[in-house]
C-alpha atoms as a PDB file:
ATOM      1  CA  MET A   1      12.228 -30.297   2.479  1.00  0.00           C
ATOM      2  CA  GLU A   2      14.317 -27.495   3.992  1.00  0.00           C
ATOM      3  CA  ASP A   3      16.523 -30.054   5.769  1.00  0.00           C
ATOM      4  CA  ASP A   4      17.618 -31.363   2.374  1.00  0.00           C
ATOM      5  CA  LEU A   5      18.888 -27.967   1.201  1.00  0.00           C
ATOM      6  CA  PRO A   6      22.669 -27.708   0.892  1.00  0.00           C
ATOM      7  CA  GLN A   7      24.736 -25.596   3.258  1.00  0.00           C
ATOM      8  CA  ILE A   8      25.988 -22.254   1.986  1.00  0.00           C
ATOM      9  CA  ILE A   9      29.579 -21.470   2.930  1.00  0.00           C
ATOM     10  CA  CYS A  10      31.215 -18.066   2.487  1.00  0.00           C
ATOM     11  CA  GLY A  11      34.799 -17.391   3.537  1.00  0.00           C
ATOM     12  CA  GLY A  12      34.916 -20.687   5.333  1.00  0.00           C
ATOM     13  CA  GLU A  13      31.892 -19.805   7.473  1.00  0.00           C
ATOM     14  CA  ILE A  14      28.527 -21.565   7.244  1.00  0.00           C
ATOM     15  CA  ILE A  15      25.756 -19.088   6.474  1.00  0.00           C
ATOM     16  CA  GLU A  16      22.970 -19.481   8.995  1.00  0.00           C
ATOM     17  CA  ARG A  17      19.612 -20.335   7.463  1.00  0.00           C
ATOM     18  CA  VAL A  18      16.679 -18.417   8.933  1.00  0.00           C
ATOM     19  CA  ASN A  19      12.971 -18.330   8.108  1.00  0.00           C
ATOM     20  CA  GLU A  20      12.720 -14.609   8.714  1.00  0.00           C
ATOM     21  CA  PHE A  21      15.017 -11.584   8.851  1.00  0.00           C
ATOM     22  CA  LYS A  22      14.788  -7.809   8.913  1.00  0.00           C
ATOM     23  CA  TYR A  23      16.580  -5.770   6.261  1.00  0.00           C
ATOM     24  CA  LEU A  24      16.412  -1.973   6.061  1.00  0.00           C
ATOM     25  CA  GLY A  25      13.287  -1.979   8.208  1.00  0.00           C
ATOM     26  CA  VAL A  26      11.368  -4.612   6.213  1.00  0.00           C
ATOM     27  CA  TYR A  27      10.706  -8.136   7.494  1.00  0.00           C
ATOM     28  CA  PHE A  28      11.406 -10.810   4.876  1.00  0.00           C
ATOM     29  CA  ASP A  29      10.320 -14.428   5.234  1.00  0.00           C
ATOM     30  CA  SER A  30      11.443 -17.516   3.354  1.00  0.00           C
ATOM     31  CA  HIS A  31       8.313 -17.513   1.142  1.00  0.00           C
ATOM     32  CA  PHE A  32       8.103 -13.725   0.605  1.00  0.00           C
ATOM     33  CA  THR A  33       4.587 -13.516   2.019  1.00  0.00           C
ATOM     34  CA  PHE A  34       5.524 -10.417   4.063  1.00  0.00           C
ATOM     35  CA  GLN A  35       2.985 -11.508   6.665  1.00  0.00           C
ATOM     36  CA  ARG A  36       5.362 -10.602   9.485  1.00  0.00           C
ATOM     37  CA  HIS A  37       5.927  -7.121   8.077  1.00  0.00           C
ATOM     38  CA  PHE A  38       2.188  -6.639   7.581  1.00  0.00           C
ATOM     39  CA  GLU A  39       1.610  -7.511  11.244  1.00  0.00           C
ATOM     40  CA  HIS A  40       4.387  -5.103  12.214  1.00  0.00           C
ATOM     41  CA  VAL A  41       2.811  -2.250  10.218  1.00  0.00           C
ATOM     42  CA  LEU A  42      -0.675  -3.096  11.503  1.00  0.00           C
ATOM     43  CA  ALA A  43       0.551  -2.928  15.099  1.00  0.00           C
ATOM     44  CA  LYS A  44       2.233   0.416  14.445  1.00  0.00           C
ATOM     45  CA  ILE A  45      -0.809   2.071  12.892  1.00  0.00           C
ATOM     46  CA  SER A  46      -3.161   0.535  15.482  1.00  0.00           C
ATOM     47  CA  SER A  47      -1.101   2.205  18.184  1.00  0.00           C
ATOM     48  CA  SER A  48      -1.067   5.497  16.268  1.00  0.00           C
ATOM     49  CA  VAL A  49      -4.826   5.366  15.672  1.00  0.00           C
ATOM     50  CA  GLY A  50      -5.393   4.759  19.384  1.00  0.00           C
ATOM     51  CA  CYS A  51      -3.290   7.799  20.301  1.00  0.00           C
ATOM     52  CA  LEU A  52      -4.986  10.050  17.757  1.00  0.00           C
ATOM     53  CA  LEU A  53      -8.436   8.960  18.947  1.00  0.00           C
ATOM     54  CA  LYS A  54      -7.562  10.232  22.423  1.00  0.00           C
ATOM     55  CA  ILE A  55      -6.531  13.704  21.238  1.00  0.00           C
ATOM     56  CA  LYS A  56      -8.693  14.159  18.125  1.00  0.00           C
ATOM     57  CA  ARG A  57     -11.073  16.613  19.827  1.00  0.00           C
ATOM     58  CA  TYR A  58      -8.179  19.037  20.291  1.00  0.00           C
ATOM     59  CA  LEU A  59      -7.033  18.941  16.668  1.00  0.00           C
ATOM     60  CA  ASN A  60      -8.100  21.205  13.829  1.00  0.00           C
ATOM     61  CA  LEU A  61      -8.361  19.644  10.374  1.00  0.00           C
ATOM     62  CA  HIS A  62      -4.930  20.815   9.206  1.00  0.00           C
ATOM     63  CA  LEU A  63      -3.119  19.375  12.227  1.00  0.00           C
ATOM     64  CA  PHE A  64      -5.181  16.187  12.043  1.00  0.00           C
ATOM     65  CA  LYS A  65      -4.100  15.630   8.425  1.00  0.00           C
ATOM     66  CA  VAL A  66      -0.450  16.255   9.318  1.00  0.00           C
ATOM     67  CA  LEU A  67      -0.568  13.700  12.139  1.00  0.00           C
ATOM     68  CA  VAL A  68      -2.364  11.086  10.016  1.00  0.00           C
ATOM     69  CA  ASN A  69       0.324  11.339   7.357  1.00  0.00           C
ATOM     70  CA  SER A  70       3.158  11.460   9.888  1.00  0.00           C
ATOM     71  CA  PHE A  71       2.135   8.664  12.243  1.00  0.00           C
ATOM     72  CA  ILE A  72       0.006   6.350  10.077  1.00  0.00           C
ATOM     73  CA  TYR A  73       0.775   6.615   6.385  1.00  0.00           C
ATOM     74  CA  SER A  74       4.511   6.918   7.034  1.00  0.00           C
ATOM     75  CA  HIS A  75       4.495   3.295   8.259  1.00  0.00           C
ATOM     76  CA  ILE A  76       2.418   2.112   5.305  1.00  0.00           C
ATOM     77  CA  ASP A  77       4.324   4.033   2.642  1.00  0.00           C
ATOM     78  CA  TYR A  78       7.789   2.820   3.611  1.00  0.00           C
ATOM     79  CA  CYS A  79       8.877   0.307   0.917  1.00  0.00           C
ATOM     80  CA  PHE A  80       5.184  -0.232   0.118  1.00  0.00           C
ATOM     81  CA  PRO A  81       5.766  -1.619  -3.412  1.00  0.00           C
ATOM     82  CA  VAL A  82       8.075  -4.269  -1.920  1.00  0.00           C
ATOM     83  CA  TRP A  83       5.755  -5.669   0.748  1.00  0.00           C
ATOM     84  CA  GLY A  84       2.324  -4.248  -0.076  1.00  0.00           C
ATOM     85  CA  ASN A  85       1.162  -6.585  -2.856  1.00  0.00           C
ATOM     86  CA  LEU A  86      -0.913  -8.604  -0.409  1.00  0.00           C
ATOM     87  CA  SER A  87      -4.439  -9.947  -0.516  1.00  0.00           C
ATOM     88  CA  ASP A  88      -7.413  -7.594  -0.670  1.00  0.00           C
ATOM     89  CA  THR A  89      -8.269  -8.684   2.881  1.00  0.00           C
ATOM     90  CA  HIS A  90      -4.915  -7.467   4.179  1.00  0.00           C
ATOM     91  CA  ILE A  91      -5.246  -4.132   2.390  1.00  0.00           C
ATOM     92  CA  GLN A  92      -8.807  -3.688   3.659  1.00  0.00           C
ATOM     93  CA  THR A  93      -7.667  -4.402   7.225  1.00  0.00           C
ATOM     94  CA  LEU A  94      -5.278  -1.473   7.026  1.00  0.00           C
ATOM     95  CA  GLN A  95      -7.952   0.683   5.409  1.00  0.00           C
ATOM     96  CA  ASN A  96     -10.493  -0.150   8.128  1.00  0.00           C
ATOM     97  CA  LYS A  97      -8.121   1.189  10.771  1.00  0.00           C
ATOM     98  CA  ILE A  98      -7.860   4.483   8.918  1.00  0.00           C
ATOM     99  CA  ASN A  99     -11.581   4.622   8.165  1.00  0.00           C
ATOM    100  CA  SER A 100     -12.455   4.166  11.840  1.00  0.00           C
ATOM    101  CA  LEU A 101     -10.179   7.085  12.744  1.00  0.00           C
ATOM    102  CA  LEU A 102     -11.620   9.368  10.061  1.00  0.00           C
ATOM    103  CA  GLY A 103     -15.167   8.420  11.002  1.00  0.00           C
ATOM    104  CA  SER A 104     -14.515   9.125  14.681  1.00  0.00           C
ATOM    105  CA  TYR A 105     -12.936  12.485  13.855  1.00  0.00           C
ATOM    106  CA  PHE A 106     -15.696  13.783  11.582  1.00  0.00           C
ATOM    107  CA  TYR A 107     -18.661  11.978  13.230  1.00  0.00           C
ATOM    108  CA  PRO A 108     -17.589  11.394  16.871  1.00  0.00           C
ATOM    109  CA  HIS A 109     -21.055  10.866  18.359  1.00  0.00           C
ATOM    110  CA  ILE A 110     -22.235   8.433  15.678  1.00  0.00           C
ATOM    111  CA  CYS A 111     -19.051   6.392  15.405  1.00  0.00           C
ATOM    112  CA  ASN A 112     -18.220   6.183  19.085  1.00  0.00           C
ATOM    113  CA  LYS A 113     -21.692   4.911  19.983  1.00  0.00           C
ATOM    114  CA  PHE A 114     -21.746   2.482  17.059  1.00  0.00           C
ATOM    115  CA  GLN A 115     -18.308   1.095  17.867  1.00  0.00           C
ATOM    116  CA  LYS A 116     -19.119   0.706  21.549  1.00  0.00           C
ATOM    117  CA  TYR A 117     -22.268  -1.355  20.897  1.00  0.00           C
ATOM    118  CA  ASN A 118     -20.600  -3.524  18.276  1.00  0.00           C
ATOM    119  CA  LYS A 119     -17.591  -4.271  20.439  1.00  0.00           C
ATOM    120  CA  ILE A 120     -19.877  -5.312  23.290  1.00  0.00           C
ATOM    121  CA  ALA A 121     -21.874  -7.556  20.918  1.00  0.00           C
ATOM    122  CA  HIS A 122     -18.691  -9.033  19.492  1.00  0.00           C
ATOM    123  CA  PHE A 123     -17.388  -9.838  22.972  1.00  0.00           C
ATOM    124  CA  TYR A 124     -20.531 -11.352  24.472  1.00  0.00           C
ATOM    125  CA  GLU A 125     -22.248 -12.877  21.433  1.00  0.00           C
ATOM    126  CA  ASN A 126     -19.256 -13.659  19.235  1.00  0.00           C
ATOM    127  CA  THR A 127     -20.718 -11.565  16.419  1.00  0.00           C
ATOM    128  CA  HIS A 128     -18.668  -9.843  13.742  1.00  0.00           C
ATOM    129  CA  TYR A 129     -17.601  -6.258  14.230  1.00  0.00           C
ATOM    130  CA  LYS A 130     -18.974  -4.232  11.300  1.00  0.00           C
ATOM    131  CA  GLN A 131     -17.649  -0.920  10.069  1.00  0.00           C
ATOM    132  CA  ILE A 132     -20.235   1.845  10.169  1.00  0.00           C
ATOM    133  CA  SER A 133     -21.534   2.758   6.716  1.00  0.00           C
ATOM    134  CA  LEU A 134     -20.207   6.211   5.901  1.00  0.00           C
ATOM    135  CA  ASN A 135     -19.082   7.822   2.688  1.00  0.00           C
ATOM    136  CA  TYR A 136     -15.407   7.172   3.334  1.00  0.00           C
ATOM    137  CA  PRO A 137     -14.191   8.372  -0.086  1.00  0.00           C
ATOM    138  CA  ASP A 138     -15.686  11.735   0.860  1.00  0.00           C
ATOM    139  CA  LEU A 139     -13.675  11.683   4.098  1.00  0.00           C
ATOM    140  CA  TRP A 140     -10.509  10.754   2.158  1.00  0.00           C
ATOM    141  CA  GLU A 141     -11.180  13.715  -0.107  1.00  0.00           C
ATOM    142  CA  ARG A 142     -11.677  16.074   2.835  1.00  0.00           C
ATOM    143  CA  CYS A 143      -8.315  14.969   4.224  1.00  0.00           C
ATOM    144  CA  ASN A 144      -6.640  14.984   0.799  1.00  0.00           C
ATOM    145  CA  LEU A 145      -5.774  11.289   1.187  1.00  0.00           C
ATOM    146  CA  LEU A 146      -5.551   8.361  -1.159  1.00  0.00           C
ATOM    147  CA  SER A 147      -6.874   5.036   0.063  1.00  0.00           C
ATOM    148  CA  VAL A 148      -4.375   2.301   0.931  1.00  0.00           C
ATOM    149  CA  SER A 149      -4.965   0.469  -2.355  1.00  0.00           C
ATOM    150  CA  GLU A 150      -4.705   3.739  -4.300  1.00  0.00           C
ATOM    151  CA  ARG A 151      -1.406   4.560  -2.608  1.00  0.00           C
ATOM    152  CA  LEU A 152      -0.045   1.156  -3.604  1.00  0.00           C
ATOM    153  CA  LYS A 153      -0.962   1.835  -7.239  1.00  0.00           C
ATOM    154  CA  TYR A 154       0.577   5.297  -6.948  1.00  0.00           C
ATOM    155  CA  PHE A 155       3.908   3.976  -5.676  1.00  0.00           C
ATOM    156  CA  ASN A 156       3.951   1.164  -8.221  1.00  0.00           C
ATOM    157  CA  SER A 157       3.490   3.717 -10.981  1.00  0.00           C
ATOM    158  CA  MET A 158       6.366   5.771  -9.542  1.00  0.00           C
ATOM    159  CA  THR A 159       8.558   2.654  -9.593  1.00  0.00           C
ATOM    160  CA  ALA A 160       7.869   2.150 -13.291  1.00  0.00           C
ATOM    161  CA  PHE A 161       8.341   5.843 -14.131  1.00  0.00           C
ATOM    162  CA  SER A 162      11.690   6.037 -12.331  1.00  0.00           C
ATOM    163  CA  ALA A 163      12.951   2.823 -13.941  1.00  0.00           C
ATOM    164  CA  ILE A 164      11.994   4.015 -17.441  1.00  0.00           C
ATOM    165  CA  ARG A 165      12.916   7.702 -17.259  1.00  0.00           C
ATOM    166  CA  PHE A 166      15.960   7.480 -14.965  1.00  0.00           C
ATOM    167  CA  PRO A 167      17.589   4.123 -15.770  1.00  0.00           C
ATOM    168  CA  ALA A 168      21.036   5.201 -14.568  1.00  0.00           C
ATOM    169  CA  ARG A 169      19.834   5.510 -10.976  1.00  0.00           C
ATOM    170  CA  VAL A 170      19.156   1.791 -10.474  1.00  0.00           C
ATOM    171  CA  PRO A 171      20.374  -0.017 -13.618  1.00  0.00           C
ATOM    172  CA  GLU A 172      19.854  -3.483 -12.094  1.00  0.00           C
ATOM    173  CA  ILE A 173      16.116  -2.825 -11.899  1.00  0.00           C
ATOM    174  CA  SER A 174      15.710  -0.515 -14.885  1.00  0.00           C
ATOM    175  CA  GLU A 175      16.911  -3.122 -17.353  1.00  0.00           C
ATOM    176  CA  LEU A 176      13.845  -5.233 -16.499  1.00  0.00           C
ATOM    177  CA  PHE A 177      11.448  -2.523 -17.694  1.00  0.00           C
ATOM    178  CA  LYS A 178      11.407  -2.769 -21.478  1.00  0.00           C
ATOM    179  CA  ILE A 179       9.039  -0.980 -23.856  1.00  0.00           C
ATOM    180  CA  GLY A 180       7.175  -3.329 -26.215  1.00  0.00           C
ATOM    181  CA  ASN A 181       7.098  -3.242 -29.995  1.00  0.00           C
ATOM    182  CA  SER A 182       4.470  -0.493 -30.107  1.00  0.00           C
ATOM    183  CA  ALA A 183       6.295   2.769 -29.482  1.00  0.00           C
ATOM    184  CA  ARG A 184       2.988   4.608 -29.692  1.00  0.00           C
ATOM    185  CA  SER A 185       1.375   2.803 -26.764  1.00  0.00           C
ATOM    186  CA  GLN A 186       4.578   2.902 -24.655  1.00  0.00           C
ATOM    187  CA  ASN A 187       3.400  -0.248 -22.886  1.00  0.00           C
ATOM    188  CA  LEU A 188       5.955  -2.370 -21.083  1.00  0.00           C
ATOM    189  CA  ILE A 189       6.624  -6.042 -21.806  1.00  0.00           C
ATOM    190  CA  LEU A 190       4.865  -8.113 -19.151  1.00  0.00           C
ATOM    191  CA  MET A 191       6.859 -11.269 -18.516  1.00  0.00           C
ATOM    192  CA  GLU A 192       4.644 -14.204 -17.643  1.00  0.00           C
ATOM    193  CA  HIS A 193       5.397 -16.548 -14.774  1.00  0.00           C
ATOM    194  CA  GLU A 194       3.258 -19.082 -12.944  1.00  0.00           C
ATOM    195  CA  ALA A 195       4.736 -18.416  -9.489  1.00  0.00           C
ATOM    196  CA  GLU A 196       2.624 -16.202  -7.231  1.00  0.00           C
ATOM    197  CA  ILE A 197       5.816 -14.766  -5.735  1.00  0.00           C
ATOM    198  CA  PHE A 198       6.685 -13.283  -9.124  1.00  0.00           C
ATOM    199  CA  LYS A 199       3.180 -11.955  -9.749  1.00  0.00           C
ATOM    200  CA  ASN A 200       3.216 -10.230  -6.356  1.00  0.00           C
ATOM    201  CA  SER A 201       6.622  -8.677  -6.961  1.00  0.00           C
ATOM    202  CA  ALA A 202       7.125  -4.924  -7.179  1.00  0.00           C
ATOM    203  CA  PHE A 203       8.354  -5.293 -10.782  1.00  0.00           C
ATOM    204  CA  TYR A 204       5.325  -7.243 -12.029  1.00  0.00           C
ATOM    205  CA  GLN A 205       2.796  -4.985 -10.306  1.00  0.00           C
ATOM    206  CA  ALA A 206       4.592  -1.843 -11.520  1.00  0.00           C
ATOM    207  CA  VAL A 207       4.358  -3.066 -15.121  1.00  0.00           C
ATOM    208  CA  LEU A 208       0.639  -3.827 -14.706  1.00  0.00           C
ATOM    209  CA  ILE A 209      -0.056  -0.343 -13.375  1.00  0.00           C
ATOM    210  CA  TRP A 210       2.053   1.372 -16.028  1.00  0.00           C
ATOM    211  CA  ASN A 211       0.265  -0.452 -18.840  1.00  0.00           C
ATOM    212  CA  SER A 212      -3.119   0.529 -17.413  1.00  0.00           C
ATOM    213  CA  LEU A 213      -2.296   4.249 -17.384  1.00  0.00           C
ATOM    214  CA  ASN A 214      -3.666   6.527 -20.088  1.00  0.00           C
ATOM    215  CA  PRO A 215      -1.373   7.609 -22.982  1.00  0.00           C
ATOM    216  CA  GLU A 216      -0.911  11.072 -21.501  1.00  0.00           C
ATOM    217  CA  ALA A 217       0.936   9.602 -18.509  1.00  0.00           C
ATOM    218  CA  LYS A 218       3.385   7.687 -20.731  1.00  0.00           C
ATOM    219  CA  GLN A 219       4.623  10.632 -22.788  1.00  0.00           C
ATOM    220  CA  SER A 220       8.403  10.692 -22.762  1.00  0.00           C
ATOM    221  CA  ASP A 221       8.641  14.425 -22.059  1.00  0.00           C
ATOM    222  CA  ASN A 222       6.638  14.273 -18.808  1.00  0.00           C
ATOM    223  CA  SER A 223       8.399  15.674 -15.781  1.00  0.00           C
ATOM    224  CA  LEU A 224       8.098  13.835 -12.477  1.00  0.00           C
ATOM    225  CA  ARG A 225       5.738  16.505 -11.140  1.00  0.00           C
ATOM    226  CA  LYS A 226       3.485  16.302 -14.186  1.00  0.00           C
ATOM    227  CA  PHE A 227       3.471  12.498 -14.022  1.00  0.00           C
ATOM    228  CA  LYS A 228       2.464  12.595 -10.346  1.00  0.00           C
ATOM    229  CA  ASN A 229      -0.428  14.946 -11.120  1.00  0.00           C
ATOM    230  CA  ILE A 230      -1.637  12.731 -13.955  1.00  0.00           C
ATOM    231  CA  VAL A 231      -1.540   9.621 -11.769  1.00  0.00           C
ATOM    232  CA  ASP A 232      -3.326  11.440  -8.931  1.00  0.00           C
ATOM    233  CA  ASN A 233      -6.129  12.505 -11.276  1.00  0.00           C
ATOM    234  CA  TRP A 234      -6.304   9.013 -12.785  1.00  0.00           C
ATOM    235  CA  LEU A 235      -6.731   7.424  -9.357  1.00  0.00           C
ATOM    236  CA  ILE A 236      -9.425   9.901  -8.310  1.00  0.00           C
ATOM    237  CA  LEU A 237     -11.366   9.344 -11.538  1.00  0.00           C
ATOM    238  CA  LYS A 238     -11.184   5.583 -11.018  1.00  0.00           C
ATOM    239  CA  ARG A 239     -12.407   6.040  -7.455  1.00  0.00           C
ATOM    240  CA  ASP A 240     -15.376   8.135  -8.588  1.00  0.00           C
ATOM    241  CA  SER A 241     -16.352   5.610 -11.264  1.00  0.00           C
ATOM    242  CA  GLU A 242     -15.732   2.371  -9.375  1.00  0.00           C
ATOM    243  CA  PHE A 243     -16.652   3.023  -5.764  1.00  0.00           C
ATOM    244  CA  VAL A 244     -19.975   1.508  -4.736  1.00  0.00           C
ATOM    245  CA  HIS A 245     -21.567   2.571  -1.490  1.00  0.00           C
ATOM    246  CA  ASP A 246     -22.451  -0.237   0.914  1.00  0.00           C
END
């Protein structure tokens, strides 16, 4: 019980216990679920999607891509490895917002009519709102975008790369990333823990992603630019091989 927890006193002052607080723009809760921050990001991108839907007919493709990155992905990308290791349902909710915007931009007549009918059905008949079946990976490609889940893997891989190649920058974190006995594989030691909080941590997920990369990505002489290109290509190849059309 939280009432049984001891008081924490610093400098003679009792430290207030809270269930939620905001630090450097990220909402933390007592169980590290990051549900509050997810809702905050979802509200931000929902507002941005609504604004872009109103002006999309006046935007060429280049400007549309700039605004999507500036007003939608900027909210998602900020500290994504810290808060983004959520359930697939949460990630898909964010992706659906982006998909609906891309669909409306490239196929305005189809998507607008489809969405209108489904929203009416959802309101009057309590039916589920279904996303129109389009080739969304093709739309991501046309906008030069990674999906939300792909971006999370990308940032997790960057976390591991920075910790391994530039340990002096953040030594408190870098010391956790240790290469295993096989120098050839360059895989990291994956510490096991039963707690879901640990498995959802940025460290644990970064190690998982690093170990799943191909040997080319783990070469010690890779520059940051080369590593980014390798990870980009790896994610696109995985998308092409794993995506199944509905």
